[in-house]
């Protein structure tokens, strides 16, 4: 099972590739340069898909995972539009995707769904580094790895209702 985890952002987007629950690669893309943010996002996602396809052989178990965006105002509206770009690309390429609530991701990676706000980013970086034996510093990359890891756990243990909630799954690519 090959998962591309995406940490959506309007300034930085991060990507992580997991293959059968094992870390393959992660990186972040700065979106603050000159130009149309939607074009930059589209290009970043297409580049991520090229990397994903390079590292992972195509199977019906490939899918993309990202956070479920719940609000619709200010910068979060931009994120909703970015989600639309991701879903459109998935539909065009017949790739399955799963949206996971932030609480579910934190619970899967940290063991608690609502960590203290001031410590949340550092806790995620530490947990991901310990879990995968990494030394990353970017909380965006840590989030993308956490998203992919949570999605992998959900596919591995789909009936664990005590952990998995607030999940939206599209049918693209799922049999």
N, C-alpha and C. Protein backbone atom coordinates (compact mmCIF):
# COMPACT_ATOMS: atom_id res chain seq x y z
N UNK A 1 0.85 -1.17 0.00
CA UNK A 1 0.00 0.00 0.00
C UNK A 1 0.91 1.24 0.00
N UNK A 2 0.69 2.12 -0.96
CA UNK A 2 1.50 3.32 -1.13
C UNK A 2 0.63 4.55 -0.88
N UNK A 3 1.09 5.38 0.04
CA UNK A 3 0.29 6.55 0.42
C UNK A 3 1.12 7.82 0.24
N UNK A 4 0.50 8.81 -0.38
CA UNK A 4 1.08 10.14 -0.46
C UNK A 4 0.31 11.01 0.52
N UNK A 5 0.96 11.40 1.61
CA UNK A 5 0.35 12.29 2.59
C UNK A 5 0.64 13.73 2.23
N UNK A 6 -0.38 14.56 2.30
CA UNK A 6 -0.20 15.98 1.96
C UNK A 6 -0.66 16.84 3.12
N UNK A 7 0.25 17.70 3.59
CA UNK A 7 -0.11 18.72 4.57
C UNK A 7 -0.41 19.98 3.79
N UNK A 8 -1.68 20.29 3.66
CA UNK A 8 -2.11 21.43 2.86
C UNK A 8 -1.74 22.74 3.55
N UNK A 9 -1.40 23.72 2.76
CA UNK A 9 -1.09 25.03 3.32
C UNK A 9 -1.15 26.09 2.23
N UNK A 10 -1.33 27.33 2.64
CA UNK A 10 -1.35 28.42 1.67
C UNK A 10 0.02 29.06 1.53
N UNK A 11 0.96 28.73 2.44
CA UNK A 11 2.32 29.25 2.36
C UNK A 11 3.33 28.13 2.13
N UNK A 12 3.10 26.99 2.76
CA UNK A 12 3.96 25.82 2.60
C UNK A 12 3.06 24.59 2.49
N UNK A 13 3.37 23.75 1.52
CA UNK A 13 2.71 22.44 1.44
C UNK A 13 3.80 21.40 1.63
N UNK A 14 3.48 20.36 2.38
CA UNK A 14 4.46 19.30 2.59
C UNK A 14 3.89 17.99 2.11
N UNK A 15 4.78 17.12 1.67
CA UNK A 15 4.40 15.84 1.11
C UNK A 15 5.23 14.74 1.77
N UNK A 16 4.64 13.57 1.91
CA UNK A 16 5.36 12.41 2.44
C UNK A 16 4.89 11.16 1.72
N UNK A 17 5.82 10.29 1.43
CA UNK A 17 5.50 9.02 0.80
C UNK A 17 5.78 7.91 1.81
N UNK A 18 4.77 7.08 2.04
CA UNK A 18 4.93 5.87 2.84
C UNK A 18 4.60 4.68 1.96
N UNK A 19 5.40 3.63 2.09
CA UNK A 19 5.16 2.40 1.35
C UNK A 19 5.03 1.29 2.38
N UNK A 20 3.83 0.70 2.45
CA UNK A 20 3.53 -0.34 3.44
C UNK A 20 3.87 0.12 4.86
N UNK A 21 3.56 1.38 5.15
CA UNK A 21 3.76 1.93 6.48
C UNK A 21 5.18 2.37 6.78
N UNK A 22 6.08 2.23 5.81
CA UNK A 22 7.47 2.62 6.01
C UNK A 22 7.76 3.93 5.29
N UNK A 23 8.54 4.77 5.95
CA UNK A 23 8.92 6.07 5.40
C UNK A 23 9.78 5.89 4.15
N UNK A 24 9.44 6.64 3.09
CA UNK A 24 10.23 6.65 1.87
C UNK A 24 10.88 8.01 1.66
N UNK A 25 10.07 9.06 1.74
CA UNK A 25 10.57 10.40 1.43
C UNK A 25 9.58 11.44 1.92
N UNK A 26 10.09 12.61 2.30
CA UNK A 26 9.21 13.75 2.60
C UNK A 26 9.92 15.03 2.18
N UNK A 27 9.13 16.04 1.88
CA UNK A 27 9.67 17.33 1.47
C UNK A 27 8.59 18.39 1.60
N UNK A 28 9.04 19.64 1.61
CA UNK A 28 8.12 20.78 1.69
C UNK A 28 8.34 21.69 0.49
N UNK A 29 7.26 22.35 0.08
CA UNK A 29 7.31 23.28 -1.05
C UNK A 29 6.84 24.64 -0.57
N UNK A 30 7.68 25.65 -0.79
CA UNK A 30 7.37 27.03 -0.41
C UNK A 30 6.44 27.63 -1.48
N UNK A 31 5.29 28.13 -1.05
CA UNK A 31 4.31 28.71 -1.98
C UNK A 31 4.26 30.23 -1.91
N UNK A 32 5.25 30.84 -1.27
CA UNK A 32 5.20 32.29 -1.06
C UNK A 32 5.85 33.08 -2.19
N UNK A 33 6.33 32.40 -3.22
CA UNK A 33 6.96 33.10 -4.33
C UNK A 33 5.96 33.89 -5.15
N UNK A 34 6.49 34.56 -6.15
CA UNK A 34 5.62 35.33 -7.04
C UNK A 34 4.83 34.39 -7.94
N UNK A 35 3.64 34.79 -8.25
CA UNK A 35 2.80 33.99 -9.14
C UNK A 35 1.49 33.61 -8.49
N UNK A 36 0.66 32.96 -9.25
CA UNK A 36 -0.65 32.54 -8.81
C UNK A 36 -0.52 31.33 -7.89
N UNK A 37 -1.05 31.43 -6.68
CA UNK A 37 -0.91 30.34 -5.71
C UNK A 37 -1.53 29.05 -6.23
N UNK A 38 -2.63 29.14 -6.95
CA UNK A 38 -3.30 27.94 -7.42
C UNK A 38 -2.48 27.22 -8.49
N UNK A 39 -1.78 27.96 -9.32
CA UNK A 39 -0.89 27.36 -10.31
C UNK A 39 0.29 26.71 -9.58
N UNK A 40 0.85 27.39 -8.57
CA UNK A 40 1.95 26.82 -7.80
C UNK A 40 1.53 25.54 -7.09
N UNK A 41 0.32 25.54 -6.51
CA UNK A 41 -0.20 24.35 -5.83
C UNK A 41 -0.37 23.20 -6.83
N UNK A 42 -0.99 23.50 -7.96
CA UNK A 42 -1.20 22.49 -9.00
C UNK A 42 0.13 21.87 -9.42
N UNK A 43 1.12 22.71 -9.68
CA UNK A 43 2.43 22.22 -10.10
C UNK A 43 3.12 21.42 -9.00
N UNK A 44 2.99 21.86 -7.74
CA UNK A 44 3.59 21.13 -6.61
C UNK A 44 2.96 19.74 -6.48
N UNK A 45 1.66 19.65 -6.66
CA UNK A 45 0.98 18.36 -6.54
C UNK A 45 1.39 17.44 -7.69
N UNK A 46 1.45 17.97 -8.89
CA UNK A 46 1.88 17.14 -10.03
C UNK A 46 3.31 16.64 -9.84
N UNK A 47 4.19 17.49 -9.33
CA UNK A 47 5.57 17.07 -9.06
C UNK A 47 5.60 15.99 -7.98
N UNK A 48 4.77 16.14 -6.95
CA UNK A 48 4.69 15.13 -5.89
C UNK A 48 4.21 13.80 -6.46
N UNK A 49 3.25 13.84 -7.35
CA UNK A 49 2.75 12.61 -7.97
C UNK A 49 3.83 11.94 -8.82
N UNK A 50 4.65 12.74 -9.49
CA UNK A 50 5.76 12.16 -10.27
C UNK A 50 6.73 11.43 -9.33
N UNK A 51 7.07 12.07 -8.20
CA UNK A 51 7.95 11.42 -7.22
C UNK A 51 7.31 10.15 -6.68
N UNK A 52 6.04 10.24 -6.34
CA UNK A 52 5.30 9.11 -5.79
C UNK A 52 5.32 7.93 -6.76
N UNK A 53 5.04 8.23 -8.03
CA UNK A 53 5.02 7.18 -9.03
C UNK A 53 6.43 6.62 -9.27
N UNK A 54 7.46 7.45 -9.10
CA UNK A 54 8.83 7.00 -9.27
C UNK A 54 9.22 6.01 -8.16
N UNK A 55 8.86 6.33 -6.92
CA UNK A 55 9.25 5.51 -5.78
C UNK A 55 8.34 4.30 -5.55
N UNK A 56 7.11 4.37 -5.99
CA UNK A 56 6.12 3.33 -5.68
C UNK A 56 5.53 2.75 -6.95
N UNK A 57 5.58 1.45 -7.07
CA UNK A 57 4.97 0.82 -8.23
C UNK A 57 3.45 1.00 -8.17
N UNK A 58 2.82 1.19 -9.31
CA UNK A 58 1.36 1.40 -9.32
C UNK A 58 0.61 0.16 -8.85
N UNK A 59 -0.30 0.36 -7.93
CA UNK A 59 -1.20 -0.71 -7.48
C UNK A 59 -2.57 -0.09 -7.24
N UNK A 60 -3.56 -0.93 -7.06
CA UNK A 60 -4.90 -0.41 -6.76
C UNK A 60 -4.97 0.10 -5.32
N UNK A 61 -3.93 -0.17 -4.52
CA UNK A 61 -3.93 0.27 -3.14
C UNK A 61 -3.30 1.65 -2.96
N UNK A 62 -2.86 2.29 -4.03
CA UNK A 62 -2.29 3.63 -3.92
C UNK A 62 -3.38 4.65 -3.64
N UNK A 63 -3.13 5.57 -2.72
CA UNK A 63 -4.06 6.67 -2.53
C UNK A 63 -3.39 7.84 -1.85
N UNK A 64 -4.09 8.95 -1.86
CA UNK A 64 -3.60 10.20 -1.29
C UNK A 64 -4.40 10.48 -0.02
N UNK A 65 -3.73 11.01 0.98
CA UNK A 65 -4.39 11.36 2.24
C UNK A 65 -4.07 12.81 2.59
N UNK A 66 -5.07 13.51 3.11
CA UNK A 66 -4.86 14.89 3.56
C UNK A 66 -5.87 15.24 4.64
N UNK A 67 -5.60 16.35 5.32
CA UNK A 67 -6.48 16.78 6.40
C UNK A 67 -7.81 17.28 5.87
N UNK A 68 -8.84 16.95 6.62
CA UNK A 68 -10.18 17.46 6.32
C UNK A 68 -10.25 18.91 6.80
N UNK A 69 -10.60 19.82 5.92
CA UNK A 69 -10.70 21.25 6.26
C UNK A 69 -12.14 21.52 6.65
N UNK A 70 -12.34 22.09 7.85
CA UNK A 70 -13.70 22.21 8.39
C UNK A 70 -14.29 23.61 8.33
N UNK A 71 -13.48 24.64 8.15
CA UNK A 71 -14.02 26.01 8.20
C UNK A 71 -13.92 26.65 6.83
N UNK A 72 -14.67 27.72 6.64
CA UNK A 72 -14.74 28.35 5.33
C UNK A 72 -14.65 29.88 5.45
N UNK A 73 -13.55 30.35 6.01
CA UNK A 73 -13.36 31.80 6.08
C UNK A 73 -11.86 32.12 6.03
N UNK A 74 -11.54 33.30 5.56
CA UNK A 74 -10.15 33.74 5.51
C UNK A 74 -9.25 32.78 4.77
N UNK A 75 -8.08 32.51 5.36
CA UNK A 75 -7.10 31.65 4.71
C UNK A 75 -7.60 30.21 4.55
N UNK A 76 -8.54 29.79 5.40
CA UNK A 76 -9.05 28.43 5.28
C UNK A 76 -9.88 28.26 4.00
N UNK A 77 -10.43 29.34 3.53
CA UNK A 77 -11.16 29.27 2.25
C UNK A 77 -10.18 28.93 1.13
N UNK A 78 -8.98 29.49 1.18
CA UNK A 78 -7.95 29.15 0.20
C UNK A 78 -7.63 27.65 0.29
N UNK A 79 -7.54 27.13 1.52
CA UNK A 79 -7.26 25.70 1.69
C UNK A 79 -8.36 24.85 1.08
N UNK A 80 -9.61 25.28 1.23
CA UNK A 80 -10.72 24.53 0.61
C UNK A 80 -10.58 24.52 -0.90
N UNK A 81 -10.14 25.63 -1.46
CA UNK A 81 -9.93 25.67 -2.91
C UNK A 81 -8.76 24.77 -3.31
N UNK A 82 -7.72 24.70 -2.46
CA UNK A 82 -6.60 23.79 -2.71
C UNK A 82 -7.07 22.34 -2.64
N UNK A 83 -7.96 22.03 -1.70
CA UNK A 83 -8.55 20.69 -1.61
C UNK A 83 -9.25 20.37 -2.93
N UNK A 84 -9.93 21.34 -3.50
CA UNK A 84 -10.60 21.14 -4.79
C UNK A 84 -9.60 20.77 -5.88
N UNK A 85 -8.43 21.41 -5.87
CA UNK A 85 -7.40 21.08 -6.86
C UNK A 85 -6.94 19.64 -6.67
N UNK A 86 -6.69 19.25 -5.40
CA UNK A 86 -6.24 17.88 -5.11
C UNK A 86 -7.29 16.87 -5.57
N UNK A 87 -8.56 17.12 -5.24
CA UNK A 87 -9.62 16.18 -5.62
C UNK A 87 -9.78 16.10 -7.14
N UNK A 88 -9.63 17.22 -7.83
CA UNK A 88 -9.73 17.22 -9.28
C UNK A 88 -8.62 16.38 -9.90
N UNK A 89 -7.40 16.56 -9.42
CA UNK A 89 -6.27 15.78 -9.94
C UNK A 89 -6.49 14.29 -9.65
N UNK A 90 -6.97 13.97 -8.46
CA UNK A 90 -7.26 12.57 -8.13
C UNK A 90 -8.30 11.99 -9.08
N UNK A 91 -9.35 12.74 -9.35
CA UNK A 91 -10.38 12.28 -10.27
C UNK A 91 -9.86 12.08 -11.68
N UNK A 92 -9.03 12.99 -12.13
CA UNK A 92 -8.47 12.89 -13.48
C UNK A 92 -7.55 11.68 -13.63
N UNK A 93 -6.87 11.32 -12.54
CA UNK A 93 -5.90 10.22 -12.60
C UNK A 93 -6.43 8.92 -11.98
N UNK A 94 -7.69 8.93 -11.58
CA UNK A 94 -8.31 7.75 -10.95
C UNK A 94 -7.51 7.28 -9.74
N UNK A 95 -7.17 8.24 -8.87
CA UNK A 95 -6.43 7.95 -7.64
C UNK A 95 -7.40 8.14 -6.47
N UNK A 96 -7.44 7.18 -5.58
CA UNK A 96 -8.28 7.29 -4.40
C UNK A 96 -7.71 8.32 -3.43
N UNK A 97 -8.60 8.90 -2.64
CA UNK A 97 -8.12 9.82 -1.60
C UNK A 97 -8.96 9.67 -0.35
N UNK A 98 -8.39 10.10 0.74
CA UNK A 98 -9.07 10.06 2.02
C UNK A 98 -8.77 11.37 2.75
N UNK A 99 -9.81 11.95 3.31
CA UNK A 99 -9.67 13.16 4.13
C UNK A 99 -9.82 12.73 5.59
N UNK A 100 -8.92 13.19 6.43
CA UNK A 100 -8.92 12.77 7.83
C UNK A 100 -8.95 14.01 8.71
N UNK A 101 -9.75 13.97 9.76
CA UNK A 101 -9.83 15.13 10.65
C UNK A 101 -8.50 15.31 11.39
N UNK A 102 -8.13 16.55 11.68
CA UNK A 102 -6.91 16.81 12.43
C UNK A 102 -6.87 16.06 13.77
N UNK A 103 -8.00 15.95 14.44
CA UNK A 103 -8.07 15.25 15.72
C UNK A 103 -7.70 13.78 15.55
N UNK A 104 -8.20 13.15 14.50
CA UNK A 104 -7.91 11.75 14.24
C UNK A 104 -6.42 11.54 13.96
N UNK A 105 -5.83 12.44 13.19
CA UNK A 105 -4.41 12.35 12.88
C UNK A 105 -3.58 12.47 14.16
N UNK A 106 -3.89 13.46 14.98
CA UNK A 106 -3.15 13.66 16.24
C UNK A 106 -3.31 12.45 17.15
N UNK A 107 -4.51 11.90 17.20
CA UNK A 107 -4.76 10.74 18.06
C UNK A 107 -3.95 9.53 17.59
N UNK A 108 -3.87 9.33 16.29
CA UNK A 108 -3.13 8.20 15.74
C UNK A 108 -1.63 8.33 15.98
N UNK A 109 -1.10 9.54 15.84
CA UNK A 109 0.34 9.74 15.92
C UNK A 109 0.80 10.01 17.35
N UNK A 110 0.05 10.86 18.06
CA UNK A 110 0.46 11.29 19.40
C UNK A 110 -0.20 10.50 20.53
N UNK A 111 -1.31 9.85 20.22
CA UNK A 111 -2.05 9.13 21.25
C UNK A 111 -3.12 9.98 21.90
N UNK A 112 -3.14 11.28 21.60
CA UNK A 112 -4.17 12.18 22.11
C UNK A 112 -4.67 13.05 20.95
N UNK A 113 -5.97 13.31 20.93
CA UNK A 113 -6.55 14.06 19.82
C UNK A 113 -6.40 15.57 19.92
N UNK A 114 -6.29 16.08 21.12
CA UNK A 114 -6.19 17.54 21.30
C UNK A 114 -5.01 17.89 22.20
N UNK A 115 -3.79 17.84 21.66
CA UNK A 115 -2.64 18.20 22.47
C UNK A 115 -2.64 19.70 22.78
N UNK A 116 -1.90 20.12 23.79
CA UNK A 116 -1.84 21.56 24.09
C UNK A 116 -1.39 22.34 22.85
N UNK A 117 -2.12 23.41 22.55
CA UNK A 117 -1.90 24.17 21.32
C UNK A 117 -0.44 24.61 21.14
N UNK A 118 0.17 25.12 22.20
CA UNK A 118 1.54 25.63 22.10
C UNK A 118 2.56 24.51 21.86
N UNK A 119 2.22 23.29 22.21
CA UNK A 119 3.16 22.18 22.10
C UNK A 119 2.87 21.26 20.91
N UNK A 120 1.77 21.49 20.25
CA UNK A 120 1.29 20.58 19.20
C UNK A 120 2.33 20.32 18.10
N UNK A 121 2.92 21.37 17.55
CA UNK A 121 3.86 21.20 16.43
C UNK A 121 5.11 20.45 16.87
N UNK A 122 5.66 20.83 18.02
CA UNK A 122 6.87 20.16 18.52
C UNK A 122 6.59 18.71 18.86
N UNK A 123 5.41 18.44 19.40
CA UNK A 123 5.05 17.06 19.74
C UNK A 123 4.96 16.20 18.49
N UNK A 124 4.40 16.74 17.43
CA UNK A 124 4.27 15.98 16.18
C UNK A 124 5.65 15.69 15.58
N UNK A 125 6.52 16.69 15.55
CA UNK A 125 7.88 16.49 15.03
C UNK A 125 8.59 15.40 15.83
N UNK A 126 8.53 15.48 17.14
CA UNK A 126 9.20 14.51 18.00
C UNK A 126 8.63 13.10 17.78
N UNK A 127 7.32 12.98 17.75
CA UNK A 127 6.68 11.67 17.58
C UNK A 127 7.03 11.03 16.24
N UNK A 128 7.00 11.81 15.18
CA UNK A 128 7.32 11.29 13.85
C UNK A 128 8.80 10.89 13.78
N UNK A 129 9.67 11.72 14.31
CA UNK A 129 11.10 11.40 14.31
C UNK A 129 11.37 10.10 15.07
N UNK A 130 10.72 9.93 16.21
CA UNK A 130 10.91 8.71 17.00
C UNK A 130 10.33 7.49 16.29
N UNK A 131 9.16 7.64 15.72
CA UNK A 131 8.48 6.52 15.07
C UNK A 131 9.26 6.00 13.86
N UNK A 132 9.81 6.91 13.06
CA UNK A 132 10.45 6.53 11.81
C UNK A 132 11.98 6.64 11.84
N UNK A 133 12.55 7.01 13.00
CA UNK A 133 14.01 7.13 13.10
C UNK A 133 14.57 8.25 12.24
N UNK A 134 13.86 9.37 12.20
CA UNK A 134 14.25 10.50 11.36
C UNK A 134 14.83 11.63 12.22
N UNK A 135 15.28 12.67 11.55
CA UNK A 135 15.76 13.86 12.24
C UNK A 135 15.25 15.11 11.51
N UNK A 136 13.97 15.09 11.15
CA UNK A 136 13.42 16.26 10.45
C UNK A 136 13.11 17.36 11.45
N UNK A 137 13.12 18.58 10.98
CA UNK A 137 12.83 19.73 11.84
C UNK A 137 11.54 20.42 11.45
N UNK A 138 11.09 20.23 10.24
CA UNK A 138 9.91 20.92 9.72
C UNK A 138 8.63 20.31 10.26
N UNK A 139 7.82 21.14 10.92
CA UNK A 139 6.53 20.63 11.41
C UNK A 139 5.59 20.33 10.24
N UNK A 140 5.77 21.00 9.12
CA UNK A 140 4.94 20.72 7.94
C UNK A 140 5.23 19.31 7.42
N UNK A 141 6.52 18.97 7.32
CA UNK A 141 6.88 17.62 6.89
C UNK A 141 6.39 16.58 7.89
N UNK A 142 6.55 16.88 9.18
CA UNK A 142 6.08 15.95 10.22
C UNK A 142 4.57 15.73 10.08
N UNK A 143 3.83 16.79 9.82
CA UNK A 143 2.39 16.64 9.63
C UNK A 143 2.07 15.77 8.42
N UNK A 144 2.79 15.97 7.31
CA UNK A 144 2.51 15.15 6.12
C UNK A 144 2.82 13.68 6.38
N UNK A 145 3.88 13.40 7.13
CA UNK A 145 4.21 12.02 7.48
C UNK A 145 3.13 11.46 8.41
N UNK A 146 2.70 12.28 9.38
CA UNK A 146 1.64 11.86 10.30
C UNK A 146 0.34 11.57 9.59
N UNK A 147 0.00 12.37 8.60
CA UNK A 147 -1.22 12.16 7.82
C UNK A 147 -1.13 10.84 7.06
N UNK A 148 -0.01 10.60 6.40
CA UNK A 148 0.17 9.35 5.66
C UNK A 148 0.16 8.15 6.60
N UNK A 149 0.81 8.29 7.74
CA UNK A 149 0.85 7.19 8.72
C UNK A 149 -0.55 6.88 9.26
N UNK A 150 -1.31 7.90 9.58
CA UNK A 150 -2.67 7.71 10.07
C UNK A 150 -3.51 7.00 9.01
N UNK A 151 -3.39 7.42 7.75
CA UNK A 151 -4.14 6.77 6.67
C UNK A 151 -3.74 5.31 6.53
N UNK A 152 -2.45 5.02 6.66
CA UNK A 152 -1.99 3.64 6.57
C UNK A 152 -2.58 2.81 7.71
N UNK A 153 -2.57 3.36 8.93
CA UNK A 153 -3.16 2.65 10.07
C UNK A 153 -4.65 2.39 9.84
N UNK A 154 -5.34 3.38 9.29
CA UNK A 154 -6.77 3.24 9.05
C UNK A 154 -7.06 2.13 8.05
N UNK A 155 -6.22 2.01 7.03
CA UNK A 155 -6.40 0.95 6.04
C UNK A 155 -6.03 -0.40 6.63
N UNK A 156 -5.04 -0.40 7.50
CA UNK A 156 -4.59 -1.65 8.13
C UNK A 156 -5.59 -2.14 9.16
N UNK A 157 -6.21 -1.22 9.88
CA UNK A 157 -7.17 -1.56 10.95
C UNK A 157 -8.47 -0.78 10.74
N UNK A 158 -9.22 -1.07 9.68
CA UNK A 158 -10.39 -0.25 9.34
C UNK A 158 -11.53 -0.30 10.36
N UNK A 159 -11.57 -1.33 11.18
CA UNK A 159 -12.69 -1.46 12.12
C UNK A 159 -12.39 -0.92 13.51
N UNK A 160 -11.29 -0.23 13.68
CA UNK A 160 -10.93 0.33 14.98
C UNK A 160 -11.71 1.63 15.21
N UNK A 161 -12.99 1.50 15.51
CA UNK A 161 -13.88 2.66 15.65
C UNK A 161 -13.52 3.55 16.84
N UNK A 162 -12.75 3.02 17.79
CA UNK A 162 -12.34 3.84 18.93
C UNK A 162 -11.36 4.93 18.54
N UNK A 163 -10.70 4.75 17.40
CA UNK A 163 -9.71 5.73 16.95
C UNK A 163 -10.22 6.51 15.74
N UNK A 164 -10.80 5.81 14.77
CA UNK A 164 -11.14 6.46 13.50
C UNK A 164 -12.54 7.07 13.54
N UNK A 165 -12.58 8.36 13.32
CA UNK A 165 -13.85 9.08 13.23
C UNK A 165 -13.66 10.29 12.33
N UNK A 166 -14.74 10.93 11.97
CA UNK A 166 -14.68 12.11 11.11
C UNK A 166 -13.90 11.85 9.82
N UNK A 167 -14.19 10.77 9.17
CA UNK A 167 -13.46 10.39 7.97
C UNK A 167 -14.36 10.56 6.74
N UNK A 168 -13.79 11.14 5.70
CA UNK A 168 -14.49 11.22 4.43
C UNK A 168 -13.62 10.50 3.42
N UNK A 169 -14.18 9.56 2.69
CA UNK A 169 -13.41 8.85 1.69
C UNK A 169 -14.14 8.95 0.36
N UNK A 170 -13.38 9.27 -0.66
CA UNK A 170 -13.95 9.29 -2.01
C UNK A 170 -13.75 7.94 -2.65
N UNK A 171 -14.51 7.65 -3.66
CA UNK A 171 -14.46 6.34 -4.28
C UNK A 171 -13.45 6.23 -5.41
N UNK A 172 -12.82 7.32 -5.83
CA UNK A 172 -11.85 7.25 -6.93
C UNK A 172 -10.78 6.20 -6.62
N UNK A 173 -10.66 5.24 -7.49
CA UNK A 173 -9.58 4.29 -7.39
C UNK A 173 -9.78 3.20 -6.35
N UNK A 174 -10.81 3.26 -5.52
CA UNK A 174 -11.04 2.22 -4.53
C UNK A 174 -11.98 1.19 -5.11
N UNK A 175 -11.66 -0.06 -4.90
CA UNK A 175 -12.50 -1.14 -5.42
C UNK A 175 -13.33 -1.72 -4.33
